[in-house]
Every structure is written in C-alpha cells, then in structure tokens.
C-alpha atoms as a PDB file:
ATOM      1  CA  MET A   1     -51.850-171.229 150.047  1.00  0.00           C
ATOM      2  CA  LYS A   2     -50.100-170.477 153.289  1.00  0.00           C
ATOM      3  CA  HIS A   3     -50.881-168.200 156.245  1.00  0.00           C
ATOM      4  CA  ASN A   4     -54.498-169.399 156.456  1.00  0.00           C
ATOM      5  CA  LYS A   5     -56.624-172.252 155.269  1.00  0.00           C
ATOM      6  CA  LEU A   6     -58.735-171.592 152.202  1.00  0.00           C
ATOM      7  CA  THR A   7     -61.510-173.559 150.585  1.00  0.00           C
ATOM      8  CA  LEU A   8     -60.184-174.486 147.164  1.00  0.00           C
ATOM      9  CA  PHE A   9     -62.670-174.965 144.360  1.00  0.00           C
ATOM     10  CA  ALA A  10     -60.525-176.248 141.492  1.00  0.00           C
ATOM     11  CA  ALA A  11     -62.189-175.970 138.120  1.00  0.00           C
ATOM     12  CA  ILE A  12     -60.924-179.061 136.348  1.00  0.00           C
ATOM     13  CA  PHE A  13     -62.684-180.694 133.431  1.00  0.00           C
ATOM     14  CA  SER A  14     -62.382-183.870 131.400  1.00  0.00           C
ATOM     15  CA  ALA A  15     -60.414-182.736 128.386  1.00  0.00           C
ATOM     16  CA  SER A  16     -57.517-183.870 126.281  1.00  0.00           C
ATOM     17  CA  VAL A  17     -54.063-183.441 127.731  1.00  0.00           C
ATOM     18  CA  TYR A  18     -52.598-180.071 126.855  1.00  0.00           C
ATOM     19  CA  VAL A  19     -50.020-180.243 124.086  1.00  0.00           C
ATOM     20  CA  ALA A  20     -46.984-178.135 124.936  1.00  0.00           C
ATOM     21  CA  GLN A  21     -45.289-175.958 122.377  1.00  0.00           C
ATOM     22  CA  ALA A  22     -42.936-177.965 120.165  1.00  0.00           C
ATOM     23  CA  GLN A  23     -39.232-177.664 120.719  1.00  0.00           C
ATOM     24  CA  THR A  24     -36.355-179.172 118.788  1.00  0.00           C
ATOM     25  CA  ALA A  25     -32.921-179.969 120.171  1.00  0.00           C
ATOM     26  CA  GLY A  26     -33.663-177.850 123.224  1.00  0.00           C
ATOM     27  CA  GLN A  27     -34.318-174.757 121.098  1.00  0.00           C
ATOM     28  CA  PRO A  28     -37.514-172.681 121.267  1.00  0.00           C
ATOM     29  CA  ALA A  29     -40.175-173.373 118.687  1.00  0.00           C
ATOM     30  CA  PRO A  30     -39.931-171.257 115.510  1.00  0.00           C
ATOM     31  CA  ASP A  31     -41.462-167.810 115.923  1.00  0.00           C
ATOM     32  CA  HIS A  32     -44.117-168.072 113.240  1.00  0.00           C
ATOM     33  CA  PRO A  33     -46.713-167.565 111.908  1.00  0.00           C
ATOM     34  CA  ALA A  34     -47.332-163.824 112.260  1.00  0.00           C
ATOM     35  CA  VAL A  35     -50.786-162.255 112.298  1.00  0.00           C
ATOM     36  CA  THR A  36     -51.924-158.647 112.199  1.00  0.00           C
ATOM     37  CA  VAL A  37     -55.029-157.848 114.227  1.00  0.00           C
ATOM     38  CA  HIS A  38     -56.463-154.357 114.762  1.00  0.00           C
ATOM     39  CA  GLY A  39     -53.304-152.867 113.283  1.00  0.00           C
ATOM     40  CA  GLN A  40     -50.879-154.754 115.541  1.00  0.00           C
ATOM     41  CA  THR A  41     -48.664-157.659 114.457  1.00  0.00           C
ATOM     42  CA  TYR A  42     -48.237-160.660 116.733  1.00  0.00           C
ATOM     43  CA  THR A  43     -46.081-163.799 116.705  1.00  0.00           C
ATOM     44  CA  PRO A  44     -46.177-166.744 119.130  1.00  0.00           C
ATOM     45  CA  ARG A  45     -43.136-165.439 121.003  1.00  0.00           C
ATOM     46  CA  SER A  46     -44.383-161.858 121.144  1.00  0.00           C
ATOM     47  CA  ILE A  47     -47.690-163.019 122.647  1.00  0.00           C
ATOM     48  CA  LEU A  48     -45.893-165.175 125.205  1.00  0.00           C
ATOM     49  CA  ALA A  49     -43.544-162.306 126.111  1.00  0.00           C
ATOM     50  CA  ARG A  50     -46.495-159.920 126.349  1.00  0.00           C
ATOM     51  CA  ASN A  51     -48.331-162.276 128.700  1.00  0.00           C
ATOM     52  CA  MET A  52     -45.498-163.439 130.944  1.00  0.00           C
ATOM     53  CA  GLY A  53     -42.962-160.605 130.919  1.00  0.00           C
ATOM     54  CA  THR A  54     -39.757-161.258 132.832  1.00  0.00           C
ATOM     55  CA  PRO A  55     -39.395-163.438 135.944  1.00  0.00           C
ATOM     56  CA  GLU A  56     -39.184-160.172 137.868  1.00  0.00           C
ATOM     57  CA  ASP A  57     -42.461-158.977 136.326  1.00  0.00           C
ATOM     58  CA  GLN A  58     -44.152-162.215 137.383  1.00  0.00           C
ATOM     59  CA  ALA A  59     -43.232-161.607 141.018  1.00  0.00           C
ATOM     60  CA  THR A  60     -43.448-157.797 141.281  1.00  0.00           C
ATOM     61  CA  GLN A  61     -46.562-156.327 142.853  1.00  0.00           C
ATOM     62  CA  PHE A  62     -48.734-154.148 140.635  1.00  0.00           C
ATOM     63  CA  PRO A  63     -50.551-151.400 142.571  1.00  0.00           C
ATOM     64  CA  PRO A  64     -53.701-153.041 143.944  1.00  0.00           C
ATOM     65  CA  HIS A  65     -56.850-151.302 142.778  1.00  0.00           C
ATOM     66  CA  LYS A  66     -60.592-151.478 142.508  1.00  0.00           C
ATOM     67  CA  ILE A  67     -61.804-152.610 139.086  1.00  0.00           C
ATOM     68  CA  ILE A  68     -65.569-152.366 139.467  1.00  0.00           C
ATOM     69  CA  GLY A  69     -68.128-153.018 142.188  1.00  0.00           C
ATOM     70  CA  ASN A  70     -66.712-155.615 144.584  1.00  0.00           C
ATOM     71  CA  ILE A  71     -63.858-156.746 142.290  1.00  0.00           C
ATOM     72  CA  TYR A  72     -60.246-155.769 142.985  1.00  0.00           C
ATOM     73  CA  TYR A  73     -56.871-156.501 141.386  1.00  0.00           C
ATOM     74  CA  VAL A  74     -54.297-158.034 143.770  1.00  0.00           C
ATOM     75  CA  GLY A  75     -51.829-159.659 141.349  1.00  0.00           C
ATOM     76  CA  THR A  76     -48.405-158.910 139.920  1.00  0.00           C
ATOM     77  CA  LYS A  77     -47.344-157.039 136.787  1.00  0.00           C
ATOM     78  CA  THR A  78     -48.004-160.022 134.513  1.00  0.00           C
ATOM     79  CA  LEU A  79     -49.892-162.649 136.565  1.00  0.00           C
ATOM     80  CA  SER A  80     -53.455-161.780 137.499  1.00  0.00           C
ATOM     81  CA  SER A  81     -55.110-162.371 140.845  1.00  0.00           C
ATOM     82  CA  PHE A  82     -58.543-160.950 141.601  1.00  0.00           C
ATOM     83  CA  LEU A  83     -60.285-160.431 144.934  1.00  0.00           C
ATOM     84  CA  VAL A  84     -64.088-160.542 145.023  1.00  0.00           C
ATOM     85  CA  VAL A  85     -65.328-159.042 148.292  1.00  0.00           C
ATOM     86  CA  THR A  86     -68.609-160.134 149.915  1.00  0.00           C
ATOM     87  CA  PRO A  87     -70.249-159.659 153.344  1.00  0.00           C
ATOM     88  CA  GLN A  88     -69.639-163.344 154.147  1.00  0.00           C
ATOM     89  CA  GLY A  89     -65.963-163.433 153.206  1.00  0.00           C
ATOM     90  CA  ASN A  90     -63.966-163.016 150.054  1.00  0.00           C
ATOM     91  CA  ILE A  91     -63.154-165.026 146.925  1.00  0.00           C
ATOM     92  CA  LEU A  92     -59.673-165.094 145.431  1.00  0.00           C
ATOM     93  CA  ILE A  93     -59.403-165.938 141.739  1.00  0.00           C
ATOM     94  CA  ASP A  94     -55.957-167.410 140.974  1.00  0.00           C
ATOM     95  CA  SER A  95     -53.127-167.503 143.495  1.00  0.00           C
ATOM     96  CA  THR A  96     -50.477-167.880 140.724  1.00  0.00           C
ATOM     97  CA  TYR A  97     -47.136-169.145 142.091  1.00  0.00           C
ATOM     98  CA  GLU A  98     -46.627-169.946 145.758  1.00  0.00           C
ATOM     99  CA  ARG A  99     -43.845-167.362 145.935  1.00  0.00           C
ATOM    100  CA  ASN A 100     -46.437-164.692 145.072  1.00  0.00           C
ATOM    101  CA  VAL A 101     -48.725-165.438 148.026  1.00  0.00           C
ATOM    102  CA  PRO A 102     -47.038-162.832 150.302  1.00  0.00           C
ATOM    103  CA  THR A 103     -47.396-160.272 147.499  1.00  0.00           C
ATOM    104  CA  ILE A 104     -51.092-161.066 147.104  1.00  0.00           C
ATOM    105  CA  GLU A 105     -51.565-160.831 150.878  1.00  0.00           C
ATOM    106  CA  LYS A 106     -49.824-157.445 150.881  1.00  0.00           C
ATOM    107  CA  SER A 107     -52.134-156.165 148.145  1.00  0.00           C
ATOM    108  CA  VAL A 108     -55.248-157.412 149.941  1.00  0.00           C
ATOM    109  CA  THR A 109     -54.104-155.694 153.135  1.00  0.00           C
ATOM    110  CA  GLN A 110     -53.260-152.435 151.368  1.00  0.00           C
ATOM    111  CA  LEU A 111     -56.803-152.334 150.000  1.00  0.00           C
ATOM    112  CA  GLY A 112     -58.103-152.474 153.567  1.00  0.00           C
ATOM    113  CA  PHE A 113     -59.227-156.090 153.630  1.00  0.00           C
ATOM    114  CA  LYS A 114     -58.128-159.025 155.769  1.00  0.00           C
ATOM    115  CA  PHE A 115     -56.344-161.856 154.021  1.00  0.00           C
ATOM    116  CA  SER A 116     -57.860-164.224 156.583  1.00  0.00           C
ATOM    117  CA  ASP A 117     -61.329-163.306 155.257  1.00  0.00           C
ATOM    118  CA  THR A 118     -60.557-165.150 152.019  1.00  0.00           C
ATOM    119  CA  LYS A 119     -62.920-168.126 152.101  1.00  0.00           C
ATOM    120  CA  ILE A 120     -62.754-169.515 148.563  1.00  0.00           C
ATOM    121  CA  LEU A 121     -59.883-169.897 146.120  1.00  0.00           C
ATOM    122  CA  LEU A 122     -60.845-170.406 142.484  1.00  0.00           C
ATOM    123  CA  GLY A 123     -58.561-171.496 139.652  1.00  0.00           C
ATOM    124  CA  ASN A 124     -58.981-170.834 135.952  1.00  0.00           C
ATOM    125  CA  HIS A 125     -55.730-172.002 134.408  1.00  0.00           C
ATOM    126  CA  ALA A 126     -55.248-175.617 135.413  1.00  0.00           C
ATOM    127  CA  HIS A 127     -52.535-177.417 133.465  1.00  0.00           C
ATOM    128  CA  GLY A 128     -53.517-181.078 133.536  1.00  0.00           C
ATOM    129  CA  ASP A 129     -56.258-183.008 135.287  1.00  0.00           C
ATOM    130  CA  VAL A 130     -57.273-183.542 138.897  1.00  0.00           C
ATOM    131  CA  PRO A 131     -54.693-186.277 139.699  1.00  0.00           C
ATOM    132  CA  ALA A 132     -51.942-184.132 138.180  1.00  0.00           C
ATOM    133  CA  LEU A 133     -52.946-181.169 140.318  1.00  0.00           C
ATOM    134  CA  LYS A 134     -53.064-183.254 143.473  1.00  0.00           C
ATOM    135  CA  ALA A 135     -49.521-184.407 142.711  1.00  0.00           C
ATOM    136  CA  ILE A 136     -48.268-180.807 142.853  1.00  0.00           C
ATOM    137  CA  LYS A 137     -46.772-180.474 146.335  1.00  0.00           C
ATOM    138  CA  PRO A 138     -44.683-177.282 146.663  1.00  0.00           C
ATOM    139  CA  GLY A 139     -42.242-177.733 149.503  1.00  0.00           C
ATOM    140  CA  GLY A 140     -43.716-181.155 150.157  1.00  0.00           C
ATOM    141  CA  LYS A 141     -47.074-179.666 151.197  1.00  0.00           C
ATOM    142  CA  GLU A 142     -50.369-181.168 150.112  1.00  0.00           C
ATOM    143  CA  HIS A 143     -52.383-179.482 147.358  1.00  0.00           C
ATOM    144  CA  PRO A 144     -55.945-179.852 148.643  1.00  0.00           C
ATOM    145  CA  ILE A 145     -58.850-179.788 146.218  1.00  0.00           C
ATOM    146  CA  ASP A 146     -62.128-179.505 148.083  1.00  0.00           C
ATOM    147  CA  LYS A 147     -64.450-179.478 145.114  1.00  0.00           C
ATOM    148  CA  VAL A 148     -64.197-180.099 141.379  1.00  0.00           C
ATOM    149  CA  LEU A 149     -66.473-177.930 139.278  1.00  0.00           C
ATOM    150  CA  HIS A 150     -67.899-178.726 135.871  1.00  0.00           C
ATOM    151  CA  ASP A 151     -69.056-176.644 132.933  1.00  0.00           C
ATOM    152  CA  GLY A 152     -71.953-174.384 133.891  1.00  0.00           C
ATOM    153  CA  GLU A 153     -71.703-174.904 137.652  1.00  0.00           C
ATOM    154  CA  SER A 154     -71.500-171.945 139.980  1.00  0.00           C
ATOM    155  CA  VAL A 155     -69.962-170.761 143.243  1.00  0.00           C
ATOM    156  CA  THR A 156     -71.919-168.408 145.503  1.00  0.00           C
ATOM    157  CA  LEU A 157     -70.749-166.483 148.548  1.00  0.00           C
ATOM    158  CA  GLY A 158     -72.314-163.469 150.244  1.00  0.00           C
ATOM    159  CA  GLY A 159     -74.727-162.725 147.419  1.00  0.00           C
ATOM    160  CA  THR A 160     -72.112-162.957 144.661  1.00  0.00           C
ATOM    161  CA  THR A 161     -72.280-165.818 142.151  1.00  0.00           C
ATOM    162  CA  LEU A 162     -69.530-166.832 139.749  1.00  0.00           C
ATOM    163  CA  VAL A 163     -70.312-169.235 136.907  1.00  0.00           C
ATOM    164  CA  ALA A 164     -67.687-171.583 135.452  1.00  0.00           C
ATOM    165  CA  HIS A 165     -67.477-171.979 131.671  1.00  0.00           C
ATOM    166  CA  LEU A 166     -65.273-174.702 130.210  1.00  0.00           C
ATOM    167  CA  THR A 167     -62.958-173.101 127.615  1.00  0.00           C
ATOM    168  CA  PRO A 168     -60.193-175.681 127.041  1.00  0.00           C
ATOM    169  CA  GLY A 169     -57.462-175.550 124.457  1.00  0.00           C
ATOM    170  CA  HIS A 170     -54.640-173.555 125.986  1.00  0.00           C
ATOM    171  CA  THR A 171     -54.861-175.900 128.976  1.00  0.00           C
ATOM    172  CA  ALA A 172     -57.053-178.888 129.718  1.00  0.00           C
ATOM    173  CA  GLY A 173     -58.791-177.183 132.641  1.00  0.00           C
ATOM    174  CA  CYS A 174     -59.031-173.662 131.216  1.00  0.00           C
ATOM    175  CA  THR A 175     -62.030-172.019 132.871  1.00  0.00           C
ATOM    176  CA  THR A 176     -63.657-168.695 132.081  1.00  0.00           C
ATOM    177  CA  TRP A 177     -65.587-167.197 134.994  1.00  0.00           C
ATOM    178  CA  THR A 178     -68.502-164.777 134.734  1.00  0.00           C
ATOM    179  CA  MET A 179     -70.341-162.690 137.321  1.00  0.00           C
ATOM    180  CA  LYS A 180     -72.432-159.555 137.754  1.00  0.00           C
ATOM    181  CA  ALA A 181     -71.026-156.395 139.317  1.00  0.00           C
ATOM    182  CA  GLN A 182     -72.891-153.291 140.451  1.00  0.00           C
ATOM    183  CA  GLU A 183     -71.625-149.731 140.184  1.00  0.00           C
ATOM    184  CA  ASN A 184     -73.508-146.416 140.393  1.00  0.00           C
ATOM    185  CA  GLY A 185     -76.854-148.157 140.319  1.00  0.00           C
ATOM    186  CA  LYS A 186     -76.092-150.179 137.187  1.00  0.00           C
ATOM    187  CA  THR A 187     -75.327-153.878 136.732  1.00  0.00           C
ATOM    188  CA  TYR A 188     -72.470-155.016 134.504  1.00  0.00           C
ATOM    189  CA  ASP A 189     -71.411-158.383 133.069  1.00  0.00           C
ATOM    190  CA  VAL A 190     -67.835-159.238 134.032  1.00  0.00           C
ATOM    191  CA  VAL A 191     -65.813-161.947 132.267  1.00  0.00           C
ATOM    192  CA  PHE A 192     -62.601-163.394 133.727  1.00  0.00           C
ATOM    193  CA  ASN A 193     -61.103-165.005 130.628  1.00  0.00           C
ATOM    194  CA  CYS A 194     -58.755-167.946 130.669  1.00  0.00           C
ATOM    195  CA  SER A 195     -56.016-167.721 128.043  1.00  0.00           C
ATOM    196  CA  LEU A 196     -56.935-168.704 124.492  1.00  0.00           C
ATOM    197  CA  ARG A 197     -53.310-168.797 123.316  1.00  0.00           C
ATOM    198  CA  PRO A 198     -52.854-171.825 121.018  1.00  0.00           C
ATOM    199  CA  PRO A 199     -49.805-174.116 121.134  1.00  0.00           C
ATOM    200  CA  ALA A 200     -47.434-174.492 118.180  1.00  0.00           C
ATOM    201  CA  THR A 201     -48.923-177.897 117.303  1.00  0.00           C
ATOM    202  CA  LEU A 202     -52.668-178.410 117.008  1.00  0.00           C
ATOM    203  CA  THR A 203     -54.089-181.925 117.220  1.00  0.00           C
ATOM    204  CA  PRO A 204     -57.640-182.685 115.985  1.00  0.00           C
ATOM    205  CA  ALA A 205     -58.819-182.807 119.603  1.00  0.00           C
ATOM    206  CA  LEU A 206     -57.339-179.381 120.322  1.00  0.00           C
ATOM    207  CA  VAL A 207     -58.875-177.960 117.157  1.00  0.00           C
ATOM    208  CA  ASP A 208     -62.296-179.069 118.379  1.00  0.00           C
ATOM    209  CA  GLN A 209     -61.647-177.593 121.811  1.00  0.00           C
ATOM    210  CA  PHE A 210     -60.514-174.221 120.487  1.00  0.00           C
ATOM    211  CA  ASN A 211     -63.420-173.968 118.048  1.00  0.00           C
ATOM    212  CA  ARG A 212     -65.841-174.600 120.909  1.00  0.00           C
ATOM    213  CA  SER A 213     -64.053-172.191 123.253  1.00  0.00           C
ATOM    214  CA  PHE A 214     -63.904-169.297 120.784  1.00  0.00           C
ATOM    215  CA  LYS A 215     -67.601-169.687 120.028  1.00  0.00           C
ATOM    216  CA  LEU A 216     -68.507-169.806 123.727  1.00  0.00           C
ATOM    217  CA  VAL A 217     -66.368-166.818 124.739  1.00  0.00           C
ATOM    218  CA  ARG A 218     -67.751-164.669 121.931  1.00  0.00           C
ATOM    219  CA  ALA A 219     -71.306-165.448 123.046  1.00  0.00           C
ATOM    220  CA  LEU A 220     -70.816-164.378 126.676  1.00  0.00           C
ATOM    221  CA  PRO A 221     -72.408-161.053 127.672  1.00  0.00           C
ATOM    222  CA  CYS A 222     -69.524-158.717 128.492  1.00  0.00           C
ATOM    223  CA  ASP A 223     -69.127-155.178 129.758  1.00  0.00           C
ATOM    224  CA  VAL A 224     -65.859-155.696 131.647  1.00  0.00           C
ATOM    225  CA  GLN A 225     -63.283-158.119 130.246  1.00  0.00           C
ATOM    226  CA  LEU A 226     -60.476-159.350 132.504  1.00  0.00           C
ATOM    227  CA  GLY A 227     -57.901-162.109 132.022  1.00  0.00           C
ATOM    228  CA  ASP A 228     -55.328-164.349 133.660  1.00  0.00           C
ATOM    229  CA  HIS A 229     -52.587-162.070 132.279  1.00  0.00           C
ATOM    230  CA  PRO A 230     -53.111-158.292 132.622  1.00  0.00           C
ATOM    231  CA  ALA A 231     -51.905-157.636 129.056  1.00  0.00           C
ATOM    232  CA  GLN A 232     -54.955-159.516 127.784  1.00  0.00           C
ATOM    233  CA  TYR A 233     -57.140-156.584 128.813  1.00  0.00           C
ATOM    234  CA  ASN A 234     -54.639-153.677 128.739  1.00  0.00           C
ATOM    235  CA  MET A 235     -54.664-153.379 132.510  1.00  0.00           C
ATOM    236  CA  GLN A 236     -51.791-150.909 132.778  1.00  0.00           C
ATOM    237  CA  GLN A 237     -53.330-148.470 130.300  1.00  0.00           C
ATOM    238  CA  LYS A 238     -56.728-148.697 131.953  1.00  0.00           C
ATOM    239  CA  TYR A 239     -55.203-148.346 135.424  1.00  0.00           C
ATOM    240  CA  SER A 240     -53.466-145.128 134.382  1.00  0.00           C
ATOM    241  CA  LYS A 241     -56.838-143.742 133.277  1.00  0.00           C
ATOM    242  CA  LEU A 242     -58.231-144.406 136.760  1.00  0.00           C
ATOM    243  CA  GLN A 243     -56.099-141.550 138.039  1.00  0.00           C
ATOM    244  CA  ASN A 244     -58.084-139.088 135.902  1.00  0.00           C
ATOM    245  CA  ARG A 245     -61.260-139.773 137.911  1.00  0.00           C
ATOM    246  CA  GLY A 246     -63.288-140.000 134.713  1.00  0.00           C
ATOM    247  CA  PRO A 247     -65.578-142.811 133.573  1.00  0.00           C
ATOM    248  CA  ASN A 248     -64.457-146.272 134.720  1.00  0.00           C
ATOM    249  CA  PRO A 249     -62.016-147.387 131.968  1.00  0.00           C
ATOM    250  CA  PHE A 250     -62.608-151.064 132.761  1.00  0.00           C
ATOM    251  CA  ILE A 251     -66.205-150.739 131.554  1.00  0.00           C
ATOM    252  CA  ASP A 252     -65.356-151.249 127.904  1.00  0.00           C
ATOM    253  CA  PRO A 253     -67.672-153.593 125.969  1.00  0.00           C
ATOM    254  CA  ALA A 254     -65.956-152.689 122.690  1.00  0.00           C
ATOM    255  CA  SER A 255     -62.722-154.306 123.864  1.00  0.00           C
ATOM    256  CA  CYS A 256     -64.299-157.562 125.074  1.00  0.00           C
ATOM    257  CA  GLN A 257     -63.576-159.425 121.811  1.00  0.00           C
ATOM    258  CA  VAL A 258     -60.082-158.076 121.098  1.00  0.00           C
ATOM    259  CA  GLU A 259     -58.151-160.870 122.806  1.00  0.00           C
ATOM    260  CA  ALA A 260     -60.336-163.510 121.155  1.00  0.00           C
ATOM    261  CA  ASP A 261     -59.693-161.798 117.808  1.00  0.00           C
ATOM    262  CA  ILE A 262     -55.922-162.023 118.336  1.00  0.00           C
ATOM    263  CA  GLN A 263     -55.845-165.618 119.497  1.00  0.00           C
ATOM    264  CA  GLU A 264     -58.355-166.907 116.949  1.00  0.00           C
ATOM    265  CA  ALA A 265     -56.342-165.292 114.141  1.00  0.00           C
ATOM    266  CA  MET A 266     -53.206-167.010 115.433  1.00  0.00           C
ATOM    267  CA  PHE A 267     -55.111-170.291 115.775  1.00  0.00           C
ATOM    268  CA  HIS A 268     -56.219-170.217 112.133  1.00  0.00           C
ATOM    269  CA  ALA A 269     -52.741-169.153 110.975  1.00  0.00           C
ATOM    270  CA  ILE A 270     -51.182-172.130 112.778  1.00  0.00           C
ATOM    271  CA  LEU A 271     -53.778-174.450 111.248  1.00  0.00           C
ATOM    272  CA  ALA A 272     -53.041-173.088 107.765  1.00  0.00           C
ATOM    273  CA  GLU A 273     -49.306-173.461 108.284  1.00  0.00           C
ATOM    274  CA  GLN A 274     -49.740-177.058 109.440  1.00  0.00           C
ATOM    275  CA  ALA A 275     -51.861-177.824 106.375  1.00  0.00           C
ATOM    276  CA  THR A 276     -49.182-176.376 104.096  1.00  0.00           C
ATOM    277  CA  GLN A 277     -46.481-178.437 105.788  1.00  0.00           C
ATOM    278  CA  THR A 278     -48.596-181.573 105.449  1.00  0.00           C
ATOM    279  CA  GLU A 279     -49.048-180.946 101.705  1.00  0.00           C
ATOM    280  CA  LYS A 280     -45.301-180.478 101.235  1.00  0.00           C
ATOM    281  CA  ARG A 281     -44.603-183.837 102.871  1.00  0.00           C
ATOM    282  CA  ARG A 282     -46.913-185.654 100.466  1.00  0.00           C
END
C-alpha cells in the first residue's frame, strides 16, 4: 500500500492451484446450473455479478461505518475492507485493488482515525501461492510479505486477536478470519469469511478442499458474519437498518450460514452436472 509503510501478514497456504472458470473461444462459461436457496434462485453469473458489481461499484466508496465493537467498514460498494481499531494501532483486513487505497484512506479518516496508525495488513483472498504474490508488482513496486501465516495461527495487536482458518477452494490461499468483539458488555464471535464460490470445473483436489472448507466454516462460532464481498452478508440492507438506532443489525447469528448454504448448493449442483456429462461421454 502507498502513503505509509504497513506490516503485511499474508495468509498463504500450501494448496492446489486455483482452477479458473472455464471459457471456450473467448466466451464466458455457460450460466448453469441454477440453484434455489431460501427462496432465491442463483446461477454462476448471478453470484459473480452480485459479488463484483460493475467496475464503478468496485471503486466507489460505501459510507464508512461501525459494524460492532472495534470493527469498522472502510471498503467500496462491492469490495470489502475492514478496519480493526486497537490502542496500539490498527489492523486493515484486505486492501483490495491499489486504485482503492485512497478511497480506503478517505474512509478511515472520515471515521476519525489516522491512516498512518494502520500497523498490520491482513489478506484473506490470495489467488496463488507466495511466489506468485511476490511477483505482483503494481507500477513496478515491490509486494512485500513480512510473514506467512498457516492454518490456526493468530495475529494479535493491542489486545485484539484474529485467528486464521484455511478455507481453500475458491482460491488457493482463501483465509477465513475470526475474532471476538465487545459491545454493551457482551462478547460476540465475528467471522470474516473468504468466498466459497466454486469454479465451473471441479477437480478431485478442489472437491476435497471445498468439502473441508464448508465443514470448517459451518463449525465456527458466529454471531456476526462478514465477507470479502458485502453482498455475502447483506451489508447494504443491514447498513440501512443502522439509521433506525435499533438493535445492531450485524448481530445476526441466524444469517451466519446463509452464504455457505448458497455456495454449497451450487458446489453440489456443479458436481452433479459434471457427473452427468461424464456419463454421457461414456
């Protein structure tokens, strides 16, 4: 990141190389299968569009806001960035694209914090492995990685501890972070999910990874579910409820499994479709 030097803890794990969505003759992959979960129908393209939005959405600031305790949202309309504030400096989870750094800085400042107080940058959505990440040099600048974390390891700053959970499948280094947050004298379990969106083609290695990741995510204690794309936890709807000054809408244990329900249904539908295609070729 620019403007100030951050300590970058990149959560990268030994996992199979991510398999990109299949394309033929330069055309997008077919938009199937379709699944209906909790009364809503999804296709691969609709999920991708929901997550990413338009290029403008990816770069447009969403109003920065407090989520719970010492956790704040400082990202764009469709790309999440979270600020965790501590007495010894702050932790930024996901800096997204380099072009969004000024937007993130603006959000941090508008919340009343100093961008220069950001001491640790955590990633959760690494595409590739450590050498591949080091090779990313936007504008010719180095991409420093100060520490590589492994499954179950933690990062602590100013009394706040975040634990890394390996949840590969969507990407090789997909990392789900968990922490505790306090509000009104109560302690809540917060989960920062990495995407569980499956690719169009599932190899045996990816099947194993997704099965492990779904099981792990479903077992995590959760009162507040967040994600690397705001649509994964209905941020805009919950943000609008903040204006009513009622109960914190982000404290919503009942919604913690919804995104896993959607993505696991799509995962099994893709597997079934692949099996059918294999049988037809025999």
